[in-house]
Amino acid sequence: MNKALACTKVLDKSECMLSFSDSINEKFSIYKPIPNKDELGFDKNMSRFTAYYSPSLKGSKVKTDIYKNPIYKKPLKSAHQNYTREQIEFEAKLANKGLELFYVKESLLDIWLLHVEGGGLIEEEVAGEAPKLHYLSYNGTNKRKFSMLSRYMLDNGMLTEDNRSVRAQREYIESNPEQEREIISSCQSYVYFKTTKSEPLGVRNIPLTMNRSLASDKDLFNEYGFISFIQINKDDSVEKSSPDLNVNRFFINQDTGGSINGAARGDLYMGYGDDAKFYANNLHALGNQYLIILKK
């Protein structure tokens, strides 16, 4: 790609891109995943894409009235590993066992969103000092079934198909605190974390790369590190209320996830910050994925 960019300094961009395309086709084979009949993109022969990011939470290593919701590391005792989310969040089954990494001021919904993303950043607030930053990386689950809170809320008349965003979920829970336990507990799966010195880790403990890492179905793609070119057009948004979001760039298969299922399914890692959060909360679209495999 650097050669193609250097080329544009002396030749027309279209000529350089054509030369770059020819060199890829000469050295690589190009494949396109074929969606199964039960996948959203089957009729159009396209892949379904979402995005994820690393949320930032305010934390403390000491529990207070402000910092009260714990982030847990994985218990060593197998008897403690498989508690449900309800048992962990509302019955405190893991409390006072030395498993708390941090206590955060954010809500249980925010912790659930952290679990969905699989990694994040803790800004540890220390009196009289600048915040200390700690990366959180996925470190296993309680091996319980994962389900989306939005699906539960839709099925029970709490949300509508036209208004099922994270913002809508948050507003409903804040307006109906007596139903928080019911809603949060509907997802039995619980994610454990570990602190790392780099961005959240993908498979094989390799740090994810902002705007370049791709998560795919681990049962279908058990080899990692292959390159894909992803094309997403704003007109192919699955949800009519989605903002106009385009993607045209290379990604590397470096991650997986419990909700990433299907031959033509990808989740794009967008990193940290407001832009990344915007993509993660709004990108739900069909697109084209081209796998680029080196010829033998």
Protein backbone atom coordinates (compact mmCIF):
# COMPACT_ATOMS: atom_id res chain seq x y z
CA MET A 1 0.00 0.00 0.00
CA ASN A 2 2.91 2.35 0.69
CA LYS A 3 4.07 1.85 -2.92
CA ALA A 4 0.60 2.76 -4.16
CA LEU A 5 0.59 5.95 -2.10
CA ALA A 6 4.08 6.86 -3.33
CA CYS A 7 2.89 6.25 -6.87
CA THR A 8 0.21 8.95 -6.54
CA LYS A 9 2.93 11.57 -6.24
CA VAL A 10 4.02 10.99 -9.83
CA LEU A 11 1.00 9.38 -11.54
CA ASP A 12 -2.77 9.73 -11.55
CA LYS A 13 -4.42 8.09 -8.54
CA SER A 14 -6.63 5.84 -10.69
CA GLU A 15 -3.57 4.44 -12.50
CA CYS A 16 -1.82 3.76 -9.20
CA MET A 17 -4.84 2.01 -7.69
CA LEU A 18 -5.21 -0.14 -10.81
CA SER A 19 -1.54 -1.13 -10.58
CA PHE A 20 -1.99 -1.91 -6.88
CA SER A 21 -5.05 -4.06 -7.66
CA ASP A 22 -3.14 -5.95 -10.35
CA SER A 23 -0.27 -6.69 -7.98
CA ILE A 24 -2.70 -8.09 -5.36
CA ASN A 25 -4.41 -10.33 -7.92
CA GLU A 26 -1.03 -11.56 -9.12
CA LYS A 27 0.16 -12.65 -5.67
CA PHE A 28 -3.08 -13.45 -3.85
CA SER A 29 -6.27 -15.45 -4.34
CA ILE A 30 -9.47 -13.58 -3.52
CA TYR A 31 -12.41 -15.33 -1.85
CA LYS A 32 -15.81 -14.12 -0.71
CA PRO A 33 -17.67 -15.81 2.19
CA ILE A 34 -21.01 -17.31 1.16
CA PRO A 35 -23.80 -16.72 3.72
CA ASN A 36 -25.87 -19.66 4.88
CA LYS A 37 -29.64 -19.65 4.30
CA ASP A 38 -30.34 -18.54 7.87
CA GLU A 39 -27.96 -15.57 7.67
CA LEU A 40 -29.21 -12.03 7.13
CA GLY A 41 -27.20 -11.45 3.95
CA PHE A 42 -28.23 -14.65 2.16
CA ASP A 43 -30.58 -13.05 -0.41
CA LYS A 44 -27.97 -10.48 -1.46
CA ASN A 45 -24.93 -12.76 -1.09
CA MET A 46 -23.40 -10.26 1.34
CA SER A 47 -21.86 -10.39 4.81
CA ARG A 48 -23.43 -8.88 7.91
CA PHE A 49 -21.29 -6.43 9.88
CA THR A 50 -21.41 -4.79 13.26
CA ALA A 51 -18.71 -2.93 15.18
CA TYR A 52 -17.30 -2.99 18.68
CA TYR A 53 -15.01 -0.78 20.74
CA SER A 54 -13.29 -0.48 24.11
CA PRO A 55 -15.43 1.45 26.62
CA SER A 56 -13.78 3.69 29.20
CA LEU A 57 -15.02 3.43 32.79
CA LYS A 58 -14.12 5.39 35.92
CA GLY A 59 -12.79 3.07 38.60
CA SER A 60 -11.27 2.67 42.03
CA LYS A 61 -9.66 -0.22 43.85
CA VAL A 62 -11.64 0.72 46.94
CA LYS A 63 -15.40 0.29 47.18
CA THR A 64 -17.33 3.45 48.05
CA ASP A 65 -20.83 4.81 47.63
CA ILE A 66 -19.74 6.16 44.24
CA TYR A 67 -17.52 3.28 43.11
CA LYS A 68 -19.72 0.35 43.98
CA ASN A 69 -20.05 -2.01 41.00
CA PRO A 70 -17.23 -4.57 40.77
CA ILE A 71 -15.26 -5.79 37.75
CA TYR A 72 -14.15 -9.37 38.46
CA LYS A 73 -11.20 -11.47 37.43
CA LYS A 74 -11.79 -15.17 36.78
CA PRO A 75 -12.13 -17.28 39.95
CA LEU A 76 -9.61 -20.08 40.36
CA LYS A 77 -12.12 -22.39 42.01
CA SER A 78 -14.34 -24.08 39.44
CA ALA A 79 -17.25 -23.95 41.89
CA HIS A 80 -17.15 -20.15 41.68
CA GLN A 81 -16.72 -19.82 37.93
CA ASN A 82 -20.21 -20.74 36.79
CA TYR A 83 -22.51 -18.48 38.80
CA THR A 84 -25.14 -16.72 36.71
CA ARG A 85 -25.06 -12.97 36.11
CA GLU A 86 -27.93 -12.59 38.57
CA GLN A 87 -26.01 -14.46 41.27
CA ILE A 88 -22.90 -12.36 40.66
CA GLU A 89 -24.48 -8.92 40.20
CA PHE A 90 -27.43 -9.11 42.60
CA GLU A 91 -26.58 -11.84 45.12
CA ALA A 92 -22.87 -10.96 45.45
CA LYS A 93 -21.74 -14.57 45.17
CA LEU A 94 -18.18 -13.51 44.26
CA ALA A 95 -17.89 -10.64 46.73
CA ASN A 96 -15.02 -10.51 49.24
CA LYS A 97 -13.10 -13.39 47.65
CA GLY A 98 -10.23 -11.23 46.43
CA LEU A 99 -11.54 -11.27 42.85
CA GLU A 100 -12.41 -7.60 42.45
CA LEU A 101 -10.10 -5.86 39.95
CA PHE A 102 -11.86 -2.50 40.29
CA TYR A 103 -15.08 -0.92 41.45
CA VAL A 104 -16.62 1.43 38.88
CA LYS A 105 -19.10 4.29 39.14
CA GLU A 106 -20.92 3.26 35.96
CA SER A 107 -24.15 1.27 35.97
CA LEU A 108 -24.74 -2.47 35.63
CA LEU A 109 -25.87 -1.78 32.06
CA ASP A 110 -22.46 -0.22 31.36
CA ILE A 111 -20.75 -3.29 32.81
CA TRP A 112 -22.90 -5.51 30.57
CA LEU A 113 -21.87 -3.38 27.58
CA LEU A 114 -18.23 -3.82 28.62
CA HIS A 115 -18.85 -7.58 28.60
CA VAL A 116 -20.35 -7.39 25.11
CA GLU A 117 -17.29 -5.53 23.84
CA GLY A 118 -14.90 -7.97 25.54
CA GLY A 119 -12.39 -5.37 26.70
CA GLY A 120 -12.00 -1.78 27.79
CA LEU A 121 -10.15 0.86 29.73
CA ILE A 122 -10.34 1.73 33.42
CA GLU A 123 -9.46 5.27 34.45
CA GLU A 124 -8.47 4.76 38.08
CA GLU A 125 -9.16 7.96 39.95
CA VAL A 126 -6.72 8.60 42.78
CA ALA A 127 -7.12 11.63 45.02
CA GLY A 128 -4.60 14.36 44.18
CA GLU A 129 -3.16 12.47 41.20
CA ALA A 130 -3.77 12.17 37.50
CA PRO A 131 -5.96 9.17 36.55
CA LYS A 132 -4.08 5.89 36.13
CA LEU A 133 -5.02 3.97 32.99
CA HIS A 134 -5.51 0.21 33.04
CA TYR A 135 -6.47 -1.92 30.05
CA LEU A 136 -8.97 -4.71 30.58
CA SER A 137 -8.82 -7.82 28.42
CA TYR A 138 -11.18 -10.78 28.17
CA ASN A 139 -10.30 -13.67 30.48
CA GLY A 140 -13.12 -16.18 30.07
CA THR A 141 -16.79 -16.48 30.98
CA ASN A 142 -19.09 -18.34 33.34
CA LYS A 143 -20.05 -20.55 30.35
CA ARG A 144 -23.68 -19.54 30.58
CA LYS A 145 -25.87 -18.62 27.61
CA PHE A 146 -25.36 -15.15 26.14
CA SER A 147 -28.40 -13.15 25.07
CA MET A 148 -29.03 -9.52 24.12
CA LEU A 149 -30.84 -7.32 26.62
CA SER A 150 -32.54 -5.51 23.74
CA ARG A 151 -34.10 -8.79 22.58
CA TYR A 152 -35.52 -9.47 26.04
CA MET A 153 -36.82 -5.91 26.32
CA LEU A 154 -38.44 -6.12 22.89
CA ASP A 155 -40.10 -9.44 23.66
CA ASN A 156 -41.52 -8.02 26.88
CA GLY A 157 -42.87 -4.78 25.46
CA MET A 158 -40.25 -2.53 27.03
CA LEU A 159 -38.85 -1.35 23.68
CA THR A 160 -40.09 -1.14 20.09
CA GLU A 161 -38.42 -2.32 16.88
CA ASP A 162 -37.99 1.31 15.83
CA ASN A 163 -36.38 2.30 19.14
CA ARG A 164 -34.12 -0.40 20.56
CA SER A 165 -30.83 1.50 20.85
CA VAL A 166 -28.53 1.46 23.86
CA ARG A 167 -29.81 4.92 24.69
CA ALA A 168 -33.39 3.61 24.70
CA GLN A 169 -32.38 0.69 26.92
CA ARG A 170 -30.65 3.05 29.35
CA GLU A 171 -33.59 5.43 29.49
CA TYR A 172 -36.04 2.61 30.18
CA ILE A 173 -33.95 1.13 33.01
CA GLU A 174 -33.40 4.55 34.59
CA SER A 175 -37.13 5.21 34.42
CA ASN A 176 -38.02 1.76 35.76
CA PRO A 177 -35.32 0.90 38.35
CA GLU A 178 -37.55 -1.79 39.88
CA GLN A 179 -37.08 -3.80 36.65
CA GLU A 180 -33.27 -3.47 36.47
CA ARG A 181 -32.63 -6.87 38.06
CA GLU A 182 -35.08 -8.63 35.72
CA ILE A 183 -33.56 -7.01 32.61
CA ILE A 184 -29.86 -7.35 33.49
CA SER A 185 -30.33 -10.93 34.69
CA SER A 186 -31.98 -11.97 31.42
CA CYS A 187 -28.44 -12.42 30.06
CA GLN A 188 -26.97 -15.24 32.11
CA SER A 189 -23.50 -14.95 30.58
CA TYR A 190 -20.84 -13.12 32.60
CA VAL A 191 -17.36 -12.11 31.39
CA TYR A 192 -14.20 -12.10 33.53
CA PHE A 193 -11.28 -9.77 32.85
CA LYS A 194 -7.58 -9.35 33.45
CA THR A 195 -5.48 -6.18 33.35
CA THR A 196 -3.01 -5.82 30.50
CA LYS A 197 -0.44 -3.23 29.47
CA SER A 198 -1.77 -2.92 25.93
CA GLU A 199 -5.04 -2.61 24.04
CA PRO A 200 -7.48 -5.45 24.77
CA LEU A 201 -6.13 -8.78 23.59
CA GLY A 202 -7.62 -10.82 20.80
CA VAL A 203 -6.85 -14.47 20.10
CA ARG A 204 -3.41 -15.78 21.02
CA ASN A 205 -2.97 -12.77 23.35
CA ILE A 206 -2.20 -10.40 20.47
CA PRO A 207 -3.35 -6.79 21.08
CA LEU A 208 -6.18 -5.60 18.86
CA THR A 209 -5.53 -2.79 16.40
CA MET A 210 -7.87 0.20 16.25
CA ASN A 211 -9.87 0.33 12.98
CA ARG A 212 -8.07 -2.75 11.64
CA SER A 213 -8.99 -5.85 13.70
CA LEU A 214 -11.84 -8.14 12.69
CA ALA A 215 -13.72 -10.67 14.83
CA SER A 216 -15.23 -13.72 13.12
CA ASP A 217 -16.93 -17.02 13.99
CA LYS A 218 -14.37 -19.16 15.81
CA ASP A 219 -16.10 -22.37 14.73
CA LEU A 220 -15.65 -21.53 11.04
CA PHE A 221 -12.45 -19.48 10.97
CA ASN A 222 -9.99 -21.22 13.26
CA GLU A 223 -6.96 -19.70 11.53
CA TYR A 224 -6.12 -16.11 12.40
CA GLY A 225 -4.10 -13.34 10.78
CA PHE A 226 -5.64 -13.41 7.31
CA ILE A 227 -6.40 -10.11 5.60
CA SER A 228 -9.85 -9.02 4.45
CA PHE A 229 -10.96 -6.02 2.47
CA ILE A 230 -14.30 -4.77 3.82
CA GLN A 231 -16.75 -2.64 1.84
CA ILE A 232 -19.85 -1.27 3.57
CA ASN A 233 -22.15 1.22 1.88
CA LYS A 234 -24.48 3.50 3.83
CA ASP A 235 -27.43 2.32 1.70
CA ASP A 236 -27.09 -1.23 3.04
CA SER A 237 -27.87 -0.43 6.68
CA VAL A 238 -30.01 -3.15 8.24
CA GLU A 239 -31.84 -0.75 10.54
CA LYS A 240 -33.56 2.19 8.85
CA SER A 241 -32.66 4.50 11.74
CA SER A 242 -28.92 3.78 11.41
CA PRO A 243 -26.73 6.79 10.52
CA ASP A 244 -24.83 6.85 7.25
CA LEU A 245 -21.70 4.82 7.91
CA ASN A 246 -19.27 3.73 5.18
CA VAL A 247 -16.25 1.44 5.48
CA ASN A 248 -13.64 0.75 2.78
CA ARG A 249 -10.44 -0.64 4.22
CA PHE A 250 -8.34 -3.67 5.07
CA PHE A 251 -8.88 -5.60 8.31
CA ILE A 252 -6.99 -8.47 9.92
CA ASN A 253 -8.81 -11.42 11.49
CA GLN A 254 -7.58 -11.19 15.11
CA ASP A 255 -10.56 -11.88 17.33
CA THR A 256 -13.78 -13.79 17.92
CA GLY A 257 -16.87 -13.47 20.09
CA GLY A 258 -19.75 -15.44 21.51
CA SER A 259 -22.34 -13.54 19.44
CA ILE A 260 -20.33 -13.66 16.19
CA ASN A 261 -21.91 -16.58 14.37
CA GLY A 262 -22.06 -17.34 10.67
CA ALA A 263 -19.97 -17.85 7.57
CA ALA A 264 -20.62 -14.29 6.39
CA ARG A 265 -20.43 -12.40 9.68
CA GLY A 266 -17.88 -9.89 10.93
CA ASP A 267 -17.43 -7.54 13.88
CA LEU A 268 -15.08 -4.60 13.32
CA TYR A 269 -12.90 -3.31 16.18
CA MET A 270 -12.94 0.50 16.19
CA GLY A 271 -10.77 1.23 19.26
CA TYR A 272 -11.44 3.93 21.88
CA GLY A 273 -13.20 7.26 22.02
CA ASP A 274 -16.43 8.86 20.86
CA ASP A 275 -16.03 7.98 17.18
CA ALA A 276 -15.41 4.32 18.02
CA LYS A 277 -18.42 4.30 20.35
CA PHE A 278 -20.56 5.86 17.62
CA TYR A 279 -19.67 3.09 15.18
CA ALA A 280 -20.17 0.37 17.79
CA ASN A 281 -23.62 1.68 18.71
CA ASN A 282 -24.84 2.32 15.17
CA LEU A 283 -23.16 0.11 12.59
CA HIS A 284 -25.44 -2.77 11.57
CA ALA A 285 -25.16 -3.29 7.85
CA LEU A 286 -24.62 -5.68 4.99
CA GLY A 287 -21.41 -5.41 3.01
CA ASN A 288 -18.78 -7.24 1.02
CA GLN A 289 -15.86 -9.11 2.52
CA TYR A 290 -13.00 -10.24 0.34
CA LEU A 291 -10.53 -12.69 1.90
CA ILE A 292 -7.03 -12.18 0.55
CA ILE A 293 -5.01 -15.42 0.70
CA LEU A 294 -1.39 -15.69 -0.46
CA LYS A 295 -0.96 -17.97 -3.46
CA LYS A 296 1.35 -20.95 -3.03
